Each structure stands twice: as C-alpha cells, then as structure tokens.
C-alpha cells in the first residue's frame, strides 16, 4: 500500500487593517495607537509604505492587556519614570 498524504494546512489570513480600522477593531483611538507605535508597548504593526495591522497581532495584544486587578506589579516601569518602591521590592 502507498503512503497516504495529509492535506496541506493552509492558514486563512484576514485582511490587514489600517490605523483607523485597527482603532475600530480594538476600541482604542487611532491617535493612541499612533502614540504606542512611537513609545512602544502597542500591538505589532507592519510598515511597508503605510502602517498596517494584522488582526491576529491585534488579538494577541488585546489578550496580553487583560488584567484581573489594578494592584499588580507590572513588568517595566514606563519611559522616564522611576520604579515605585513596590516594584523595587519585587525585583
């Protein structure tokens, strides 16, 4: 008997979104996404002449933003900020 070949797995790609589309998708303002592109911490974006966002990357970013409390100690302290005493104690 011959070897049975498995069908190739094809990933279905959703169309990429411009900044306005990404803002509508995530519920954030377009200006906020633009700011995050400058300072970091936002979703991964594609820059090939214009900024585009892959919906899968937006989903991943939104998932990483989930929290169960505002009291947690987070990784990083932000730009130009001194670590809080709680952050220093945790390190």
PDB file of N, CA and C in Angstrom:
ATOM      1  N   UNK A   1       0.826  -1.178   0.000  1.00  0.00           N
ATOM      2  CA  UNK A   1       0.000   0.000   0.000  1.00  0.00           C
ATOM      3  C   UNK A   1       0.877   1.251   0.000  1.00  0.00           C
ATOM      4  N   UNK A   2       0.378   2.309  -0.620  1.00  0.00           N
ATOM      5  CA  UNK A   2       1.116   3.559  -0.670  1.00  0.00           C
ATOM      6  C   UNK A   2       0.868   4.419   0.552  1.00  0.00           C
ATOM      7  N   UNK A   3       1.733   5.359   0.717  1.00  0.00           N
ATOM      8  CA  UNK A   3       1.620   6.289   1.846  1.00  0.00           C
ATOM      9  C   UNK A   3       0.476   7.277   1.584  1.00  0.00           C
ATOM     10  N   UNK A   4      -0.366   7.477   2.583  1.00  0.00           N
ATOM     11  CA  UNK A   4      -1.472   8.423   2.454  1.00  0.00           C
ATOM     12  C   UNK A   4      -0.956   9.810   2.794  1.00  0.00           C
ATOM     13  N   UNK A   5      -1.134  10.718   1.878  1.00  0.00           N
ATOM     14  CA  UNK A   5      -0.663  12.084   2.096  1.00  0.00           C
ATOM     15  C   UNK A   5      -1.731  12.899   2.810  1.00  0.00           C
ATOM     16  N   UNK A   6      -1.272  13.642   3.798  1.00  0.00           N
ATOM     17  CA  UNK A   6      -2.162  14.537   4.531  1.00  0.00           C
ATOM     18  C   UNK A   6      -2.326  15.823   3.725  1.00  0.00           C
ATOM     19  N   UNK A   7      -3.516  16.390   3.740  1.00  0.00           N
ATOM     20  CA  UNK A   7      -3.689  17.670   3.040  1.00  0.00           C
ATOM     21  C   UNK A   7      -2.869  18.765   3.722  1.00  0.00           C
ATOM     22  N   UNK A   8      -2.356  19.680   2.929  1.00  0.00           N
ATOM     23  CA  UNK A   8      -1.569  20.792   3.468  1.00  0.00           C
ATOM     24  C   UNK A   8      -2.468  21.692   4.306  1.00  0.00           C
ATOM     25  N   UNK A   9      -1.944  22.146   5.420  1.00  0.00           N
ATOM     26  CA  UNK A   9      -2.681  23.074   6.272  1.00  0.00           C
ATOM     27  C   UNK A   9      -2.463  24.477   5.723  1.00  0.00           C
ATOM     28  N   UNK A  10      -3.531  25.132   5.411  1.00  0.00           N
ATOM     29  CA  UNK A  10      -3.461  26.479   4.861  1.00  0.00           C
ATOM     30  C   UNK A  10      -4.059  27.444   5.873  1.00  0.00           C
ATOM     31  N   UNK A  11      -3.263  28.415   6.276  1.00  0.00           N
ATOM     32  CA  UNK A  11      -3.761  29.419   7.214  1.00  0.00           C
ATOM     33  C   UNK A  11      -4.562  30.460   6.438  1.00  0.00           C
ATOM     34  N   UNK A  12      -5.763  30.677   6.900  1.00  0.00           N
ATOM     35  CA  UNK A  12      -6.601  31.693   6.277  1.00  0.00           C
ATOM     36  C   UNK A  12      -6.238  33.029   6.905  1.00  0.00           C
ATOM     37  N   UNK A  13      -5.778  33.930   6.084  1.00  0.00           N
ATOM     38  CA  UNK A  13      -5.372  35.242   6.572  1.00  0.00           C
ATOM     39  C   UNK A  13      -6.518  36.227   6.409  1.00  0.00           C
ATOM     40  N   UNK A  14      -6.759  36.969   7.484  1.00  0.00           N
ATOM     41  CA  UNK A  14      -7.723  38.060   7.396  1.00  0.00           C
ATOM     42  C   UNK A  14      -6.990  39.267   6.825  1.00  0.00           C
ATOM     43  N   UNK A  15      -7.670  40.117   6.098  1.00  0.00           N
ATOM     44  CA  UNK A  15      -7.008  41.290   5.525  1.00  0.00           C
ATOM     45  C   UNK A  15      -6.431  42.185   6.627  1.00  0.00           C
ATOM     46  N   UNK A  16      -5.282  42.776   6.346  1.00  0.00           N
ATOM     47  CA  UNK A  16      -4.682  43.692   7.312  1.00  0.00           C
ATOM     48  C   UNK A  16      -5.515  44.967   7.390  1.00  0.00           C
ATOM     49  N   UNK A  17      -5.353  45.677   8.499  1.00  0.00           N
ATOM     50  CA  UNK A  17      -6.136  46.884   8.762  1.00  0.00           C
ATOM     51  C   UNK A  17      -5.238  48.103   8.809  1.00  0.00           C
ATOM     52  N   UNK A  18      -5.738  49.234   8.338  1.00  0.00           N
ATOM     53  CA  UNK A  18      -5.009  50.482   8.529  1.00  0.00           C
ATOM     54  C   UNK A  18      -5.249  50.940   9.974  1.00  0.00           C
ATOM     55  N   UNK A  19      -4.655  52.065  10.343  1.00  0.00           N
ATOM     56  CA  UNK A  19      -4.760  52.524  11.729  1.00  0.00           C
ATOM     57  C   UNK A  19      -6.205  52.775  12.137  1.00  0.00           C
ATOM     58  N   UNK A  20      -6.992  53.370  11.260  1.00  0.00           N
ATOM     59  CA  UNK A  20      -8.407  53.626  11.575  1.00  0.00           C
ATOM     60  C   UNK A  20      -9.162  52.312  11.767  1.00  0.00           C
ATOM     61  N   UNK A  21      -8.891  51.340  10.914  1.00  0.00           N
ATOM     62  CA  UNK A  21      -9.533  50.040  11.038  1.00  0.00           C
ATOM     63  C   UNK A  21      -9.115  49.322  12.314  1.00  0.00           C
ATOM     64  N   UNK A  22      -7.819  49.425  12.653  1.00  0.00           N
ATOM     65  CA  UNK A  22      -7.310  48.809  13.885  1.00  0.00           C
ATOM     66  C   UNK A  22      -7.923  49.477  15.107  1.00  0.00           C
ATOM     67  N   UNK A  23      -8.116  50.792  15.029  1.00  0.00           N
ATOM     68  CA  UNK A  23      -8.736  51.518  16.143  1.00  0.00           C
ATOM     69  C   UNK A  23     -10.174  51.048  16.340  1.00  0.00           C
ATOM     70  N   UNK A  24     -10.908  50.905  15.261  1.00  0.00           N
ATOM     71  CA  UNK A  24     -12.287  50.424  15.358  1.00  0.00           C
ATOM     72  C   UNK A  24     -12.322  48.988  15.885  1.00  0.00           C
ATOM     73  N   UNK A  25     -11.375  48.179  15.444  1.00  0.00           N
ATOM     74  CA  UNK A  25     -11.316  46.766  15.843  1.00  0.00           C
ATOM     75  C   UNK A  25     -11.026  46.616  17.335  1.00  0.00           C
ATOM     76  N   UNK A  26     -10.096  47.445  17.849  1.00  0.00           N
ATOM     77  CA  UNK A  26      -9.673  47.312  19.244  1.00  0.00           C
ATOM     78  C   UNK A  26     -10.487  48.161  20.211  1.00  0.00           C
ATOM     79  N   UNK A  27     -11.138  49.194  19.702  1.00  0.00           N
ATOM     80  CA  UNK A  27     -11.878  50.093  20.574  1.00  0.00           C
ATOM     81  C   UNK A  27     -11.028  51.236  21.110  1.00  0.00           C
ATOM     82  N   UNK A  28      -9.796  51.348  20.648  1.00  0.00           N
ATOM     83  CA  UNK A  28      -8.920  52.448  21.041  1.00  0.00           C
ATOM     84  C   UNK A  28      -8.948  53.526  19.967  1.00  0.00           C
ATOM     85  N   UNK A  29      -8.519  54.721  20.314  1.00  0.00           N
ATOM     86  CA  UNK A  29      -8.436  55.819  19.361  1.00  0.00           C
ATOM     87  C   UNK A  29      -7.237  55.611  18.431  1.00  0.00           C
ATOM     88  N   UNK A  30      -7.364  56.068  17.186  1.00  0.00           N
ATOM     89  CA  UNK A  30      -6.272  55.957  16.223  1.00  0.00           C
ATOM     90  C   UNK A  30      -5.033  56.697  16.724  1.00  0.00           C
ATOM     91  N   UNK A  31      -5.223  57.846  17.361  1.00  0.00           N
ATOM     92  CA  UNK A  31      -4.097  58.619  17.902  1.00  0.00           C
ATOM     93  C   UNK A  31      -3.347  57.864  18.988  1.00  0.00           C
ATOM     94  N   UNK A  32      -4.084  57.098  19.777  1.00  0.00           N
ATOM     95  CA  UNK A  32      -3.452  56.305  20.838  1.00  0.00           C
ATOM     96  C   UNK A  32      -2.585  55.205  20.224  1.00  0.00           C
ATOM     97  N   UNK A  33      -3.086  54.548  19.180  1.00  0.00           N
ATOM     98  CA  UNK A  33      -2.277  53.530  18.508  1.00  0.00           C
ATOM     99  C   UNK A  33      -1.027  54.153  17.880  1.00  0.00           C
ATOM    100  N   UNK A  34      -1.176  55.361  17.314  1.00  0.00           N
ATOM    101  CA  UNK A  34      -0.017  56.059  16.744  1.00  0.00           C
ATOM    102  C   UNK A  34       0.999  56.378  17.835  1.00  0.00           C
ATOM    103  N   UNK A  35       0.525  56.809  18.988  1.00  0.00           N
ATOM    104  CA  UNK A  35       1.428  57.107  20.108  1.00  0.00           C
ATOM    105  C   UNK A  35       2.162  55.842  20.553  1.00  0.00           C
ATOM    106  N   UNK A  36       1.441  54.728  20.633  1.00  0.00           N
ATOM    107  CA  UNK A  36       2.075  53.477  21.041  1.00  0.00           C
ATOM    108  C   UNK A  36       3.126  53.015  20.034  1.00  0.00           C
ATOM    109  N   UNK A  37       2.927  53.339  18.754  1.00  0.00           N
ATOM    110  CA  UNK A  37       3.959  52.996  17.757  1.00  0.00           C
ATOM    111  C   UNK A  37       5.240  53.764  18.039  1.00  0.00           C
ATOM    112  N   UNK A  38       5.119  54.954  18.591  1.00  0.00           N
ATOM    113  CA  UNK A  38       6.287  55.786  18.879  1.00  0.00           C
ATOM    114  C   UNK A  38       6.980  55.377  20.170  1.00  0.00           C
ATOM    115  N   UNK A  39       6.202  55.162  21.234  1.00  0.00           N
ATOM    116  CA  UNK A  39       6.811  54.890  22.540  1.00  0.00           C
ATOM    117  C   UNK A  39       6.953  53.406  22.840  1.00  0.00           C
ATOM    118  N   UNK A  40       6.266  52.563  22.067  1.00  0.00           N
ATOM    119  CA  UNK A  40       6.320  51.128  22.303  1.00  0.00           C
ATOM    120  C   UNK A  40       5.194  50.679  23.214  1.00  0.00           C
ATOM    121  N   UNK A  41       5.023  49.373  23.299  1.00  0.00           N
ATOM    122  CA  UNK A  41       4.002  48.808  24.165  1.00  0.00           C
ATOM    123  C   UNK A  41       2.698  48.509  23.470  1.00  0.00           C
ATOM    124  N   UNK A  42       2.583  48.886  22.213  1.00  0.00           N
ATOM    125  CA  UNK A  42       1.356  48.643  21.478  1.00  0.00           C
ATOM    126  C   UNK A  42       1.419  47.355  20.683  1.00  0.00           C
ATOM    127  N   UNK A  43       0.430  47.154  19.838  1.00  0.00           N
ATOM    128  CA  UNK A  43       0.410  45.947  19.023  1.00  0.00           C
ATOM    129  C   UNK A  43       1.497  45.992  17.942  1.00  0.00           C
ATOM    130  N   UNK A  44       1.913  44.812  17.518  1.00  0.00           N
ATOM    131  CA  UNK A  44       2.862  44.713  16.407  1.00  0.00           C
ATOM    132  C   UNK A  44       2.205  45.301  15.178  1.00  0.00           C
ATOM    133  N   UNK A  45       2.991  46.038  14.377  1.00  0.00           N
ATOM    134  CA  UNK A  45       2.441  46.618  13.154  1.00  0.00           C
ATOM    135  C   UNK A  45       3.379  46.346  11.994  1.00  0.00           C
ATOM    136  N   UNK A  46       2.852  46.521  10.801  1.00  0.00           N
ATOM    137  CA  UNK A  46       3.595  46.289   9.574  1.00  0.00           C
ATOM    138  C   UNK A  46       3.830  47.642   8.924  1.00  0.00           C
ATOM    139  N   UNK A  47       5.074  47.940   8.560  1.00  0.00           N
ATOM    140  CA  UNK A  47       5.380  49.237   7.937  1.00  0.00           C
ATOM    141  C   UNK A  47       6.001  48.980   6.570  1.00  0.00           C
ATOM    142  N   UNK A  48       5.198  49.043   5.543  1.00  0.00           N
ATOM    143  CA  UNK A  48       5.688  48.913   4.172  1.00  0.00           C
ATOM    144  C   UNK A  48       5.085  50.046   3.354  1.00  0.00           C
ATOM    145  N   UNK A  49       5.561  51.242   3.608  1.00  0.00           N
ATOM    146  CA  UNK A  49       4.997  52.418   2.953  1.00  0.00           C
ATOM    147  C   UNK A  49       3.877  53.032   3.767  1.00  0.00           C
ATOM    148  N   UNK A  50       3.010  52.204   4.304  1.00  0.00           N
ATOM    149  CA  UNK A  50       1.956  52.673   5.199  1.00  0.00           C
ATOM    150  C   UNK A  50       1.854  51.688   6.352  1.00  0.00           C
ATOM    151  N   UNK A  51       1.295  52.137   7.438  1.00  0.00           N
ATOM    152  CA  UNK A  51       1.163  51.281   8.625  1.00  0.00           C
ATOM    153  C   UNK A  51      -0.069  50.400   8.469  1.00  0.00           C
ATOM    154  N   UNK A  52       0.130  49.110   8.711  1.00  0.00           N
ATOM    155  CA  UNK A  52      -0.955  48.139   8.663  1.00  0.00           C
ATOM    156  C   UNK A  52      -0.868  47.260   9.901  1.00  0.00           C
ATOM    157  N   UNK A  53      -1.990  46.712  10.312  1.00  0.00           N
ATOM    158  CA  UNK A  53      -2.048  45.821  11.466  1.00  0.00           C
ATOM    159  C   UNK A  53      -2.662  44.492  11.042  1.00  0.00           C
ATOM    160  N   UNK A  54      -2.041  43.404  11.459  1.00  0.00           N
ATOM    161  CA  UNK A  54      -2.585  42.067  11.240  1.00  0.00           C
ATOM    162  C   UNK A  54      -3.598  41.810  12.357  1.00  0.00           C
ATOM    163  N   UNK A  55      -4.843  41.449  12.037  1.00  0.00           N
ATOM    164  CA  UNK A  55      -5.842  41.203  13.081  1.00  0.00           C
ATOM    165  C   UNK A  55      -5.391  40.152  14.109  1.00  0.00           C
ATOM    166  N   UNK A  56      -4.600  39.170  13.696  1.00  0.00           N
ATOM    167  CA  UNK A  56      -4.089  38.175  14.643  1.00  0.00           C
ATOM    168  C   UNK A  56      -3.179  38.831  15.681  1.00  0.00           C
ATOM    169  N   UNK A  57      -2.357  39.797  15.236  1.00  0.00           N
ATOM    170  CA  UNK A  57      -1.484  40.526  16.167  1.00  0.00           C
ATOM    171  C   UNK A  57      -2.304  41.385  17.121  1.00  0.00           C
ATOM    172  N   UNK A  58      -3.376  41.982  16.612  1.00  0.00           N
ATOM    173  CA  UNK A  58      -4.247  42.788  17.475  1.00  0.00           C
ATOM    174  C   UNK A  58      -4.909  41.904  18.530  1.00  0.00           C
ATOM    175  N   UNK A  59      -5.350  40.715  18.117  1.00  0.00           N
ATOM    176  CA  UNK A  59      -5.947  39.777  19.076  1.00  0.00           C
ATOM    177  C   UNK A  59      -4.944  39.389  20.161  1.00  0.00           C
ATOM    178  N   UNK A  60      -3.693  39.101  19.752  1.00  0.00           N
ATOM    179  CA  UNK A  60      -2.648  38.735  20.719  1.00  0.00           C
ATOM    180  C   UNK A  60      -2.382  39.876  21.691  1.00  0.00           C
ATOM    181  N   UNK A  61      -2.294  41.106  21.178  1.00  0.00           N
ATOM    182  CA  UNK A  61      -2.023  42.270  22.020  1.00  0.00           C
ATOM    183  C   UNK A  61      -3.152  42.494  23.017  1.00  0.00           C
ATOM    184  N   UNK A  62      -4.383  42.411  22.543  1.00  0.00           N
ATOM    185  CA  UNK A  62      -5.527  42.584  23.447  1.00  0.00           C
ATOM    186  C   UNK A  62      -5.534  41.507  24.529  1.00  0.00           C
ATOM    187  N   UNK A  63      -5.149  40.296  24.170  1.00  0.00           N
ATOM    188  CA  UNK A  63      -5.092  39.208  25.150  1.00  0.00           C
ATOM    189  C   UNK A  63      -4.028  39.507  26.211  1.00  0.00           C
ATOM    190  N   UNK A  64      -2.871  40.037  25.792  1.00  0.00           N
ATOM    191  CA  UNK A  64      -1.802  40.369  26.740  1.00  0.00           C
ATOM    192  C   UNK A  64      -2.173  41.540  27.643  1.00  0.00           C
ATOM    193  N   UNK A  65      -3.119  42.366  27.217  1.00  0.00           N
ATOM    194  CA  UNK A  65      -3.542  43.526  28.010  1.00  0.00           C
ATOM    195  C   UNK A  65      -4.533  43.164  29.106  1.00  0.00           C
ATOM    196  N   UNK A  66      -5.038  41.958  29.099  1.00  0.00           N
ATOM    197  CA  UNK A  66      -6.033  41.569  30.099  1.00  0.00           C
ATOM    198  C   UNK A  66      -5.422  41.533  31.487  1.00  0.00           C
ATOM    199  N   UNK A  67      -6.169  42.022  32.464  1.00  0.00           N
ATOM    200  CA  UNK A  67      -5.739  42.029  33.864  1.00  0.00           C
ATOM    201  C   UNK A  67      -6.928  41.640  34.729  1.00  0.00           C
ATOM    202  N   UNK A  68      -6.655  41.130  35.907  1.00  0.00           N
ATOM    203  CA  UNK A  68      -7.734  40.831  36.846  1.00  0.00           C
ATOM    204  C   UNK A  68      -7.738  41.811  38.009  1.00  0.00           C
ATOM    205  N   UNK A  69      -6.706  42.667  38.062  1.00  0.00           N
ATOM    206  CA  UNK A  69      -6.619  43.626  39.150  1.00  0.00           C
ATOM    207  C   UNK A  69      -5.770  44.807  38.713  1.00  0.00           C
ATOM    208  N   UNK A  70      -6.012  45.964  39.289  1.00  0.00           N
ATOM    209  CA  UNK A  70      -5.153  47.119  39.029  1.00  0.00           C
ATOM    210  C   UNK A  70      -4.013  47.195  40.034  1.00  0.00           C
ATOM    211  N   UNK A  71      -3.979  46.264  40.997  1.00  0.00           N
ATOM    212  CA  UNK A  71      -2.997  46.320  42.074  1.00  0.00           C
ATOM    213  C   UNK A  71      -1.716  45.550  41.777  1.00  0.00           C
ATOM    214  N   UNK A  72      -1.629  44.894  40.639  1.00  0.00           N
ATOM    215  CA  UNK A  72      -0.473  44.055  40.348  1.00  0.00           C
ATOM    216  C   UNK A  72       0.778  44.859  40.046  1.00  0.00           C
ATOM    217  N   UNK A  73       1.919  44.240  40.183  1.00  0.00           N
ATOM    218  CA  UNK A  73       3.194  44.837  39.805  1.00  0.00           C
ATOM    219  C   UNK A  73       3.465  44.382  38.384  1.00  0.00           C
ATOM    220  N   UNK A  74       3.675  45.329  37.485  1.00  0.00           N
ATOM    221  CA  UNK A  74       3.836  45.004  36.088  1.00  0.00           C
ATOM    222  C   UNK A  74       5.292  45.064  35.676  1.00  0.00           C
ATOM    223  N   UNK A  75       5.597  44.313  34.652  1.00  0.00           N
ATOM    224  CA  UNK A  75       6.938  44.288  34.083  1.00  0.00           C
ATOM    225  C   UNK A  75       7.198  45.642  33.426  1.00  0.00           C
ATOM    226  N   UNK A  76       8.328  46.240  33.715  1.00  0.00           N
ATOM    227  CA  UNK A  76       8.653  47.542  33.143  1.00  0.00           C
ATOM    228  C   UNK A  76       8.063  48.668  33.968  1.00  0.00           C
ATOM    229  N   UNK A  77       8.644  49.840  33.833  1.00  0.00           N
ATOM    230  CA  UNK A  77       8.167  50.971  34.616  1.00  0.00           C
ATOM    231  C   UNK A  77       7.711  52.123  33.740  1.00  0.00           C
ATOM    232  N   UNK A  78       7.778  51.963  32.434  1.00  0.00           N
ATOM    233  CA  UNK A  78       7.388  53.058  31.554  1.00  0.00           C
ATOM    234  C   UNK A  78       8.572  53.954  31.265  1.00  0.00           C
ATOM    235  N   UNK A  79       8.424  54.797  30.283  1.00  0.00           N
ATOM    236  CA  UNK A  79       9.522  55.678  29.872  1.00  0.00           C
ATOM    237  C   UNK A  79       9.656  56.845  30.835  1.00  0.00           C
ATOM    238  N   UNK A  80      10.847  57.060  31.304  1.00  0.00           N
ATOM    239  CA  UNK A  80      11.140  58.226  32.109  1.00  0.00           C
ATOM    240  C   UNK A  80      10.596  58.195  33.519  1.00  0.00           C
ATOM    241  N   UNK A  81      10.102  57.087  33.950  1.00  0.00           N
ATOM    242  CA  UNK A  81       9.551  57.005  35.298  1.00  0.00           C
ATOM    243  C   UNK A  81      10.499  56.235  36.186  1.00  0.00           C
ATOM    244  N   UNK A  82      10.540  56.644  37.434  1.00  0.00           N
ATOM    245  CA  UNK A  82      11.328  55.908  38.406  1.00  0.00           C
ATOM    246  C   UNK A  82      10.506  54.732  38.905  1.00  0.00           C
ATOM    247  N   UNK A  83      11.149  53.597  39.168  1.00  0.00           N
ATOM    248  CA  UNK A  83      10.390  52.473  39.711  1.00  0.00           C
ATOM    249  C   UNK A  83       9.795  52.827  41.069  1.00  0.00           C
ATOM    250  N   UNK A  84       8.603  52.328  41.319  1.00  0.00           N
ATOM    251  CA  UNK A  84       7.993  52.556  42.622  1.00  0.00           C
ATOM    252  C   UNK A  84       8.677  51.684  43.657  1.00  0.00           C
ATOM    253  N   UNK A  85       8.456  51.974  44.924  1.00  0.00           N
ATOM    254  CA  UNK A  85       9.035  51.159  45.998  1.00  0.00           C
ATOM    255  C   UNK A  85       8.562  49.704  45.900  1.00  0.00           C
ATOM    256  N   UNK A  86       7.297  49.521  45.498  1.00  0.00           N
ATOM    257  CA  UNK A  86       6.759  48.162  45.359  1.00  0.00           C
ATOM    258  C   UNK A  86       7.484  47.415  44.246  1.00  0.00           C
ATOM    259  N   UNK A  87       7.772  48.114  43.147  1.00  0.00           N
ATOM    260  CA  UNK A  87       8.489  47.490  42.026  1.00  0.00           C
ATOM    261  C   UNK A  87       9.908  47.141  42.429  1.00  0.00           C
ATOM    262  N   UNK A  88      10.573  48.054  43.139  1.00  0.00           N
ATOM    263  CA  UNK A  88      11.946  47.777  43.580  1.00  0.00           C
ATOM    264  C   UNK A  88      11.973  46.616  44.564  1.00  0.00           C
ATOM    265  N   UNK A  89      10.983  46.542  45.461  1.00  0.00           N
ATOM    266  CA  UNK A  89      10.945  45.456  46.443  1.00  0.00           C
ATOM    267  C   UNK A  89      10.703  44.111  45.769  1.00  0.00           C
ATOM    268  N   UNK A  90       9.904  44.112  44.691  1.00  0.00           N
ATOM    269  CA  UNK A  90       9.611  42.865  43.987  1.00  0.00           C
ATOM    270  C   UNK A  90      10.812  42.381  43.195  1.00  0.00           C
ATOM    271  N   UNK A  91      11.686  43.297  42.792  1.00  0.00           N
ATOM    272  CA  UNK A  91      12.858  42.923  41.985  1.00  0.00           C
ATOM    273  C   UNK A  91      13.904  42.364  42.857  1.00  0.00           C
TER     274      UNK A  91
END
